[in-house]
Amino acid sequence: LQQLEASFVAHHQDVAAFIIEPIVQNAGGMN
């Protein structure tokens, strides 16, 4: 979670949106 925030700090000015499959990442590996 700390690394995730570090990515936001570094890139947020260039980022329009964060996209993710909630709770289950499906065809990418059933995570």
Full PDB file with SEQRES, HELIX, SHEET, SSBOND, CRYST1, ORIGX, SCALE, CONECT and MASTER records, all heavy atoms in Angstrom:
SEQRES   1 A   31  LEU GLN GLN LEU GLU ALA SER PHE VAL ALA HIS HIS GLN          
SEQRES   2 A   31  ASP VAL ALA ALA PHE ILE ILE GLU PRO ILE VAL GLN ASN          
SEQRES   3 A   31  ALA GLY GLY MET ASN                                          
HELIX    1 AA1 GLN A    2  HIS A   11  1                                  10    
HELIX    2 AA2 HIS A   12  ASP A   14  5                                   3    
CRYST1    1.000    1.000    1.000  90.00  90.00  90.00 P 1           1          
ORIGX1      1.000000  0.000000  0.000000        0.00000                         
ORIGX2      0.000000  1.000000  0.000000        0.00000                         
ORIGX3      0.000000  0.000000  1.000000        0.00000                         
SCALE1      1.000000  0.000000  0.000000        0.00000                         
SCALE2      0.000000  1.000000  0.000000        0.00000                         
SCALE3      0.000000  0.000000  1.000000        0.00000                         
ATOM      1  N   LEU A   1       0.834  -1.204   0.000  1.00  0.00           N  
ATOM      2  CA  LEU A   1       0.000   0.000   0.000  1.00  0.00           C  
ATOM      3  C   LEU A   1       0.872   1.260   0.000  1.00  0.00           C  
ATOM      4  O   LEU A   1       0.529   2.264  -0.636  1.00  0.00           O  
ATOM      5  CB  LEU A   1      -0.938   0.002   1.201  1.00  0.00           C  
ATOM      6  CG  LEU A   1      -1.927  -1.170   1.287  1.00  0.00           C  
ATOM      7  CD1 LEU A   1      -2.830  -1.018   2.505  1.00  0.00           C  
ATOM      8  CD2 LEU A   1      -2.765  -1.270   0.020  1.00  0.00           C  
ATOM      9  N   GLN A   2       1.993   1.197   0.691  1.00  0.00           N  
ATOM     10  CA  GLN A   2       2.928   2.331   0.680  1.00  0.00           C  
ATOM     11  C   GLN A   2       3.539   2.525  -0.701  1.00  0.00           C  
ATOM     12  O   GLN A   2       3.681   3.661  -1.179  1.00  0.00           O  
ATOM     13  CB  GLN A   2       4.016   2.107   1.734  1.00  0.00           C  
ATOM     14  CG  GLN A   2       3.510   2.145   3.161  1.00  0.00           C  
ATOM     15  CD  GLN A   2       4.558   1.715   4.176  1.00  0.00           C  
ATOM     16  OE1 GLN A   2       5.715   1.441   3.831  1.00  0.00           O  
ATOM     17  NE2 GLN A   2       4.168   1.636   5.441  1.00  0.00           N  
ATOM     18  N   GLN A   3       3.873   1.413  -1.365  1.00  0.00           N  
ATOM     19  CA  GLN A   3       4.402   1.500  -2.725  1.00  0.00           C  
ATOM     20  C   GLN A   3       3.357   2.046  -3.687  1.00  0.00           C  
ATOM     21  O   GLN A   3       3.668   2.806  -4.614  1.00  0.00           O  
ATOM     22  CB  GLN A   3       4.867   0.124  -3.195  1.00  0.00           C  
ATOM     23  CG  GLN A   3       6.091  -0.405  -2.465  1.00  0.00           C  
ATOM     24  CD  GLN A   3       6.435  -1.840  -2.857  1.00  0.00           C  
ATOM     25  OE1 GLN A   3       5.621  -2.554  -3.443  1.00  0.00           O  
ATOM     26  NE2 GLN A   3       7.648  -2.271  -2.516  1.00  0.00           N  
ATOM     27  N   LEU A   4       2.104   1.664  -3.455  1.00  0.00           N  
ATOM     28  CA  LEU A   4       1.013   2.168  -4.286  1.00  0.00           C  
ATOM     29  C   LEU A   4       0.921   3.688  -4.159  1.00  0.00           C  
ATOM     30  O   LEU A   4       0.812   4.400  -5.171  1.00  0.00           O  
ATOM     31  CB  LEU A   4      -0.300   1.505  -3.855  1.00  0.00           C  
ATOM     32  CG  LEU A   4      -1.549   1.857  -4.658  1.00  0.00           C  
ATOM     33  CD1 LEU A   4      -1.412   1.432  -6.116  1.00  0.00           C  
ATOM     34  CD2 LEU A   4      -2.787   1.190  -4.025  1.00  0.00           C  
ATOM     35  N   GLU A   5       0.994   4.193  -2.940  1.00  0.00           N  
ATOM     36  CA  GLU A   5       0.932   5.650  -2.770  1.00  0.00           C  
ATOM     37  C   GLU A   5       2.145   6.323  -3.401  1.00  0.00           C  
ATOM     38  O   GLU A   5       2.024   7.403  -3.984  1.00  0.00           O  
ATOM     39  CB  GLU A   5       0.827   6.036  -1.295  1.00  0.00           C  
ATOM     40  CG  GLU A   5       0.771   7.549  -1.102  1.00  0.00           C  
ATOM     41  CD  GLU A   5       0.058   7.997   0.151  1.00  0.00           C  
ATOM     42  OE1 GLU A   5      -0.107   7.178   1.084  1.00  0.00           O  
ATOM     43  OE2 GLU A   5      -0.344   9.179   0.190  1.00  0.00           O  
ATOM     44  N   ALA A   6       3.295   5.690  -3.315  1.00  0.00           N  
ATOM     45  CA  ALA A   6       4.495   6.269  -3.940  1.00  0.00           C  
ATOM     46  C   ALA A   6       4.296   6.420  -5.443  1.00  0.00           C  
ATOM     47  O   ALA A   6       4.752   7.408  -6.052  1.00  0.00           O  
ATOM     48  CB  ALA A   6       5.707   5.392  -3.643  1.00  0.00           C  
ATOM     49  N   SER A   7       3.611   5.473  -6.069  1.00  0.00           N  
ATOM     50  CA  SER A   7       3.329   5.575  -7.504  1.00  0.00           C  
ATOM     51  C   SER A   7       2.389   6.733  -7.796  1.00  0.00           C  
ATOM     52  O   SER A   7       2.544   7.442  -8.800  1.00  0.00           O  
ATOM     53  CB  SER A   7       2.715   4.265  -8.012  1.00  0.00           C  
ATOM     54  OG  SER A   7       3.639   3.206  -7.913  1.00  0.00           O  
ATOM     55  N   PHE A   8       1.421   6.953  -6.930  1.00  0.00           N  
ATOM     56  CA  PHE A   8       0.523   8.101  -7.093  1.00  0.00           C  
ATOM     57  C   PHE A   8       1.293   9.412  -6.947  1.00  0.00           C  
ATOM     58  O   PHE A   8       1.091  10.352  -7.725  1.00  0.00           O  
ATOM     59  CB  PHE A   8      -0.612   8.042  -6.066  1.00  0.00           C  
ATOM     60  CG  PHE A   8      -1.815   7.261  -6.532  1.00  0.00           C  
ATOM     61  CD1 PHE A   8      -1.864   5.884  -6.390  1.00  0.00           C  
ATOM     62  CD2 PHE A   8      -2.897   7.901  -7.106  1.00  0.00           C  
ATOM     63  CE1 PHE A   8      -2.967   5.155  -6.811  1.00  0.00           C  
ATOM     64  CE2 PHE A   8      -4.007   7.190  -7.539  1.00  0.00           C  
ATOM     65  CZ  PHE A   8      -4.048   5.810  -7.387  1.00  0.00           C  
ATOM     66  N   VAL A   9       2.164   9.471  -5.948  1.00  0.00           N  
ATOM     67  CA  VAL A   9       2.969  10.681  -5.746  1.00  0.00           C  
ATOM     68  C   VAL A   9       3.799  10.989  -6.991  1.00  0.00           C  
ATOM     69  O   VAL A   9       3.875  12.130  -7.446  1.00  0.00           O  
ATOM     70  CB  VAL A   9       3.886  10.522  -4.510  1.00  0.00           C  
ATOM     71  CG1 VAL A   9       4.884  11.680  -4.429  1.00  0.00           C  
ATOM     72  CG2 VAL A   9       3.053  10.441  -3.239  1.00  0.00           C  
ATOM     73  N   ALA A  10       4.382   9.955  -7.561  1.00  0.00           N  
ATOM     74  CA  ALA A  10       5.281  10.143  -8.705  1.00  0.00           C  
ATOM     75  C   ALA A  10       4.546  10.482  -9.995  1.00  0.00           C  
ATOM     76  O   ALA A  10       5.080  11.221 -10.839  1.00  0.00           O  
ATOM     77  CB  ALA A  10       6.123   8.874  -8.898  1.00  0.00           C  
ATOM     78  N   HIS A  11       3.329   9.971 -10.163  1.00  0.00           N  
ATOM     79  CA  HIS A  11       2.705  10.027 -11.493  1.00  0.00           C  
ATOM     80  C   HIS A  11       1.354  10.738 -11.567  1.00  0.00           C  
ATOM     81  O   HIS A  11       0.825  10.898 -12.670  1.00  0.00           O  
ATOM     82  CB  HIS A  11       2.514   8.598 -12.020  1.00  0.00           C  
ATOM     83  CG  HIS A  11       3.782   7.815 -12.140  1.00  0.00           C  
ATOM     84  ND1 HIS A  11       4.774   8.132 -13.047  1.00  0.00           N  
ATOM     85  CD2 HIS A  11       4.218   6.719 -11.463  1.00  0.00           C  
ATOM     86  CE1 HIS A  11       5.761   7.258 -12.933  1.00  0.00           C  
ATOM     87  NE2 HIS A  11       5.454   6.400 -11.975  1.00  0.00           N  
ATOM     88  N   HIS A  12       0.786  11.161 -10.450  1.00  0.00           N  
ATOM     89  CA  HIS A  12      -0.613  11.600 -10.464  1.00  0.00           C  
ATOM     90  C   HIS A  12      -0.883  12.765 -11.410  1.00  0.00           C  
ATOM     91  O   HIS A  12      -1.981  12.885 -11.968  1.00  0.00           O  
ATOM     92  CB  HIS A  12      -1.091  11.947  -9.046  1.00  0.00           C  
ATOM     93  CG  HIS A  12      -0.470  13.178  -8.475  1.00  0.00           C  
ATOM     94  ND1 HIS A  12      -1.064  14.424  -8.557  1.00  0.00           N  
ATOM     95  CD2 HIS A  12       0.706  13.360  -7.812  1.00  0.00           C  
ATOM     96  CE1 HIS A  12      -0.295  15.307  -7.952  1.00  0.00           C  
ATOM     97  NE2 HIS A  12       0.782  14.687  -7.500  1.00  0.00           N  
ATOM     98  N   GLN A  13       0.104  13.615 -11.627  1.00  0.00           N  
ATOM     99  CA  GLN A  13      -0.128  14.767 -12.516  1.00  0.00           C  
ATOM    100  C   GLN A  13      -0.338  14.344 -13.968  1.00  0.00           C  
ATOM    101  O   GLN A  13      -0.934  15.080 -14.758  1.00  0.00           O  
ATOM    102  CB  GLN A  13       1.046  15.742 -12.421  1.00  0.00           C  
ATOM    103  CG  GLN A  13       1.120  16.458 -11.072  1.00  0.00           C  
ATOM    104  CD  GLN A  13       2.278  17.439 -11.012  1.00  0.00           C  
ATOM    105  OE1 GLN A  13       3.328  17.221 -11.635  1.00  0.00           O  
ATOM    106  NE2 GLN A  13       2.096  18.519 -10.263  1.00  0.00           N  
ATOM    107  N   ASP A  14       0.121  13.139 -14.296  1.00  0.00           N  
ATOM    108  CA  ASP A  14      -0.030  12.641 -15.669  1.00  0.00           C  
ATOM    109  C   ASP A  14      -1.153  11.616 -15.805  1.00  0.00           C  
ATOM    110  O   ASP A  14      -1.445  11.171 -16.919  1.00  0.00           O  
ATOM    111  CB  ASP A  14       1.280  11.971 -16.124  1.00  0.00           C  
ATOM    112  CG  ASP A  14       2.446  12.944 -16.137  1.00  0.00           C  
ATOM    113  OD1 ASP A  14       2.271  14.059 -16.644  1.00  0.00           O  
ATOM    114  OD2 ASP A  14       3.520  12.573 -15.612  1.00  0.00           O  
ATOM    115  N   VAL A  15      -1.766  11.229 -14.697  1.00  0.00           N  
ATOM    116  CA  VAL A  15      -2.708  10.101 -14.704  1.00  0.00           C  
ATOM    117  C   VAL A  15      -4.153  10.587 -14.669  1.00  0.00           C  
ATOM    118  O   VAL A  15      -4.555  11.329 -13.765  1.00  0.00           O  
ATOM    119  CB  VAL A  15      -2.428   9.160 -13.521  1.00  0.00           C  
ATOM    120  CG1 VAL A  15      -3.509   8.081 -13.419  1.00  0.00           C  
ATOM    121  CG2 VAL A  15      -1.059   8.505 -13.688  1.00  0.00           C  
ATOM    122  N   ALA A  16      -4.935  10.117 -15.645  1.00  0.00           N  
ATOM    123  CA  ALA A  16      -6.355  10.446 -15.697  1.00  0.00           C  
ATOM    124  C   ALA A  16      -7.157   9.523 -14.790  1.00  0.00           C  
ATOM    125  O   ALA A  16      -8.099   9.964 -14.115  1.00  0.00           O  
ATOM    126  CB  ALA A  16      -6.867  10.341 -17.129  1.00  0.00           C  
ATOM    127  N   ALA A  17      -6.803   8.236 -14.790  1.00  0.00           N  
ATOM    128  CA  ALA A  17      -7.601   7.269 -14.034  1.00  0.00           C  
ATOM    129  C   ALA A  17      -6.781   6.044 -13.689  1.00  0.00           C  
ATOM    130  O   ALA A  17      -5.823   5.701 -14.388  1.00  0.00           O  
ATOM    131  CB  ALA A  17      -8.834   6.855 -14.828  1.00  0.00           C  
ATOM    132  N   PHE A  18      -7.177   5.402 -12.609  1.00  0.00           N  
ATOM    133  CA  PHE A  18      -6.665   4.089 -12.245  1.00  0.00           C  
ATOM    134  C   PHE A  18      -7.776   3.093 -12.550  1.00  0.00           C  
ATOM    135  O   PHE A  18      -8.907   3.247 -12.103  1.00  0.00           O  
ATOM    136  CB  PHE A  18      -6.318   4.043 -10.752  1.00  0.00           C  
ATOM    137  CG  PHE A  18      -5.496   2.844 -10.353  1.00  0.00           C  
ATOM    138  CD1 PHE A  18      -4.170   2.990  -9.976  1.00  0.00           C  
ATOM    139  CD2 PHE A  18      -6.039   1.568 -10.332  1.00  0.00           C  
ATOM    140  CE1 PHE A  18      -3.401   1.888  -9.598  1.00  0.00           C  
ATOM    141  CE2 PHE A  18      -5.282   0.465  -9.973  1.00  0.00           C  
ATOM    142  CZ  PHE A  18      -3.961   0.628  -9.599  1.00  0.00           C  
ATOM    143  N   ILE A  19      -7.467   2.037 -13.327  1.00  0.00           N  
ATOM    144  CA  ILE A  19      -8.454   1.020 -13.671  1.00  0.00           C  
ATOM    145  C   ILE A  19      -8.047  -0.321 -13.087  1.00  0.00           C  
ATOM    146  O   ILE A  19      -6.871  -0.700 -13.149  1.00  0.00           O  
ATOM    147  CB  ILE A  19      -8.665   0.923 -15.198  1.00  0.00           C  
ATOM    148  CG1 ILE A  19      -9.738  -0.135 -15.528  1.00  0.00           C  
ATOM    149  CG2 ILE A  19      -7.370   0.625 -15.932  1.00  0.00           C  
ATOM    150  CD1 ILE A  19     -10.186  -0.121 -16.979  1.00  0.00           C  
ATOM    151  N   ILE A  20      -9.017  -1.028 -12.497  1.00  0.00           N  
ATOM    152  CA  ILE A  20      -8.730  -2.325 -11.900  1.00  0.00           C  
ATOM    153  C   ILE A  20     -10.024  -3.138 -11.814  1.00  0.00           C  
ATOM    154  O   ILE A  20     -11.122  -2.570 -11.750  1.00  0.00           O  
ATOM    155  CB  ILE A  20      -8.106  -2.174 -10.497  1.00  0.00           C  
ATOM    156  CG1 ILE A  20      -7.472  -3.490 -10.019  1.00  0.00           C  
ATOM    157  CG2 ILE A  20      -9.115  -1.633  -9.493  1.00  0.00           C  
ATOM    158  CD1 ILE A  20      -6.607  -3.349  -8.765  1.00  0.00           C  
ATOM    159  N   GLU A  21      -9.886  -4.463 -11.827  1.00  0.00           N  
ATOM    160  CA  GLU A  21     -11.000  -5.356 -11.533  1.00  0.00           C  
ATOM    161  C   GLU A  21     -11.077  -5.488 -10.008  1.00  0.00           C  
ATOM    162  O   GLU A  21     -10.108  -5.903  -9.385  1.00  0.00           O  
ATOM    163  CB  GLU A  21     -10.761  -6.728 -12.151  1.00  0.00           C  
ATOM    164  CG  GLU A  21     -10.596  -6.712 -13.664  1.00  0.00           C  
ATOM    165  CD  GLU A  21      -9.744  -7.877 -14.143  1.00  0.00           C  
ATOM    166  OE1 GLU A  21      -8.499  -7.782 -14.063  1.00  0.00           O  
ATOM    167  OE2 GLU A  21     -10.333  -8.885 -14.589  1.00  0.00           O  
ATOM    168  N   PRO A  22     -12.191  -5.156  -9.407  1.00  0.00           N  
ATOM    169  CA  PRO A  22     -12.253  -5.178  -7.947  1.00  0.00           C  
ATOM    170  C   PRO A  22     -12.291  -6.592  -7.373  1.00  0.00           C  
ATOM    171  O   PRO A  22     -13.036  -7.455  -7.858  1.00  0.00           O  
ATOM    172  CB  PRO A  22     -13.563  -4.432  -7.633  1.00  0.00           C  
ATOM    173  CG  PRO A  22     -14.381  -4.572  -8.861  1.00  0.00           C  
ATOM    174  CD  PRO A  22     -13.418  -4.619 -10.006  1.00  0.00           C  
ATOM    175  N   ILE A  23     -11.452  -6.854  -6.410  1.00  0.00           N  
ATOM    176  CA  ILE A  23     -11.399  -8.068  -5.589  1.00  0.00           C  
ATOM    177  C   ILE A  23     -10.873  -9.290  -6.342  1.00  0.00           C  
ATOM    178  O   ILE A  23     -10.083 -10.066  -5.810  1.00  0.00           O  
ATOM    179  CB  ILE A  23     -12.774  -8.386  -4.939  1.00  0.00           C  
ATOM    180  CG1 ILE A  23     -13.248  -7.177  -4.115  1.00  0.00           C  
ATOM    181  CG2 ILE A  23     -12.693  -9.630  -4.070  1.00  0.00           C  
ATOM    182  CD1 ILE A  23     -12.298  -6.757  -3.012  1.00  0.00           C  
ATOM    183  N   VAL A  24     -11.307  -9.495  -7.584  1.00  0.00           N  
ATOM    184  CA  VAL A  24     -10.836 -10.645  -8.361  1.00  0.00           C  
ATOM    185  C   VAL A  24     -10.290 -10.165  -9.699  1.00  0.00           C  
ATOM    186  O   VAL A  24     -11.037  -9.626 -10.520  1.00  0.00           O  
ATOM    187  CB  VAL A  24     -11.959 -11.674  -8.614  1.00  0.00           C  
ATOM    188  CG1 VAL A  24     -11.421 -12.850  -9.435  1.00  0.00           C  
ATOM    189  CG2 VAL A  24     -12.550 -12.175  -7.300  1.00  0.00           C  
ATOM    190  N   GLN A  25      -8.980 -10.330  -9.904  1.00  0.00           N  
ATOM    191  CA  GLN A  25      -8.407 -10.127 -11.238  1.00  0.00           C  
ATOM    192  C   GLN A  25      -8.617 -11.439 -11.986  1.00  0.00           C  
ATOM    193  O   GLN A  25      -8.052 -12.462 -11.630  1.00  0.00           O  
ATOM    194  CB  GLN A  25      -6.929  -9.777 -11.126  1.00  0.00           C  
ATOM    195  CG  GLN A  25      -6.674  -8.403 -10.514  1.00  0.00           C  
ATOM    196  CD  GLN A  25      -5.194  -8.082 -10.453  1.00  0.00           C  
ATOM    197  OE1 GLN A  25      -4.463  -8.676  -9.670  1.00  0.00           O  
ATOM    198  NE2 GLN A  25      -4.750  -7.154 -11.285  1.00  0.00           N  
ATOM    199  N   ASN A  26      -9.407 -11.418 -13.018  1.00  0.00           N  
ATOM    200  CA  ASN A  26      -9.941 -12.637 -13.606  1.00  0.00           C  
ATOM    201  C   ASN A  26      -8.998 -13.269 -14.624  1.00  0.00           C  
ATOM    202  O   ASN A  26      -8.147 -14.072 -14.270  1.00  0.00           O  
ATOM    203  CB  ASN A  26     -11.320 -12.356 -14.188  1.00  0.00           C  
ATOM    204  CG  ASN A  26     -12.346 -12.101 -13.094  1.00  0.00           C  
ATOM    205  OD1 ASN A  26     -12.942 -13.020 -12.564  1.00  0.00           O  
ATOM    206  ND2 ASN A  26     -12.547 -10.840 -12.732  1.00  0.00           N  
ATOM    207  N   ALA A  27      -9.142 -12.956 -15.896  1.00  0.00           N  
ATOM    208  CA  ALA A  27      -8.378 -13.646 -16.942  1.00  0.00           C  
ATOM    209  C   ALA A  27      -6.878 -13.404 -16.842  1.00  0.00           C  
ATOM    210  O   ALA A  27      -6.086 -14.097 -17.481  1.00  0.00           O  
ATOM    211  CB  ALA A  27      -8.883 -13.240 -18.323  1.00  0.00           C  
ATOM    212  N   GLY A  28      -6.447 -12.451 -16.025  1.00  0.00           N  
ATOM    213  CA  GLY A  28      -5.026 -12.222 -15.820  1.00  0.00           C  
ATOM    214  C   GLY A  28      -4.396 -13.166 -14.817  1.00  0.00           C  
ATOM    215  O   GLY A  28      -3.194 -13.082 -14.556  1.00  0.00           O  
ATOM    216  N   GLY A  29      -5.181 -14.061 -14.221  1.00  0.00           N  
ATOM    217  CA  GLY A  29      -4.600 -15.015 -13.284  1.00  0.00           C  
ATOM    218  C   GLY A  29      -5.484 -15.405 -12.120  1.00  0.00           C  
ATOM    219  O   GLY A  29      -5.029 -16.064 -11.190  1.00  0.00           O  
ATOM    220  N   MET A  30      -6.746 -15.007 -12.122  1.00  0.00           N  
ATOM    221  CA  MET A  30      -7.673 -15.351 -11.044  1.00  0.00           C  
ATOM    222  C   MET A  30      -7.074 -15.009  -9.674  1.00  0.00           C  
ATOM    223  O   MET A  30      -7.003 -15.840  -8.764  1.00  0.00           O  
ATOM    224  CB  MET A  30      -8.059 -16.842 -11.114  1.00  0.00           C  
ATOM    225  CG  MET A  30      -8.925 -17.171 -12.306  1.00  0.00           C  
ATOM    226  SD  MET A  30     -10.555 -16.416 -12.165  1.00  0.00           S  
ATOM    227  CE  MET A  30     -11.280 -16.913 -13.736  1.00  0.00           C  
ATOM    228  N   ASN A  31      -6.642 -13.774  -9.542  1.00  0.00           N  
ATOM    229  CA  ASN A  31      -6.028 -13.292  -8.305  1.00  0.00           C  
ATOM    230  C   ASN A  31      -7.107 -12.699  -7.403  1.00  0.00           C  
ATOM    231  O   ASN A  31      -7.741 -11.707  -7.752  1.00  0.00           O  
ATOM    232  CB  ASN A  31      -4.971 -12.229  -8.655  1.00  0.00           C  
ATOM    233  CG  ASN A  31      -4.294 -11.661  -7.429  1.00  0.00           C  
ATOM    234  OD1 ASN A  31      -4.082 -12.361  -6.443  1.00  0.00           O  
ATOM    235  ND2 ASN A  31      -3.954 -10.374  -7.473  1.00  0.00           N  
TER     236      ASN A  31                                                      
MASTER        0    0    0    2    0    0    0    6  235    1    0    3          
END                                                                             
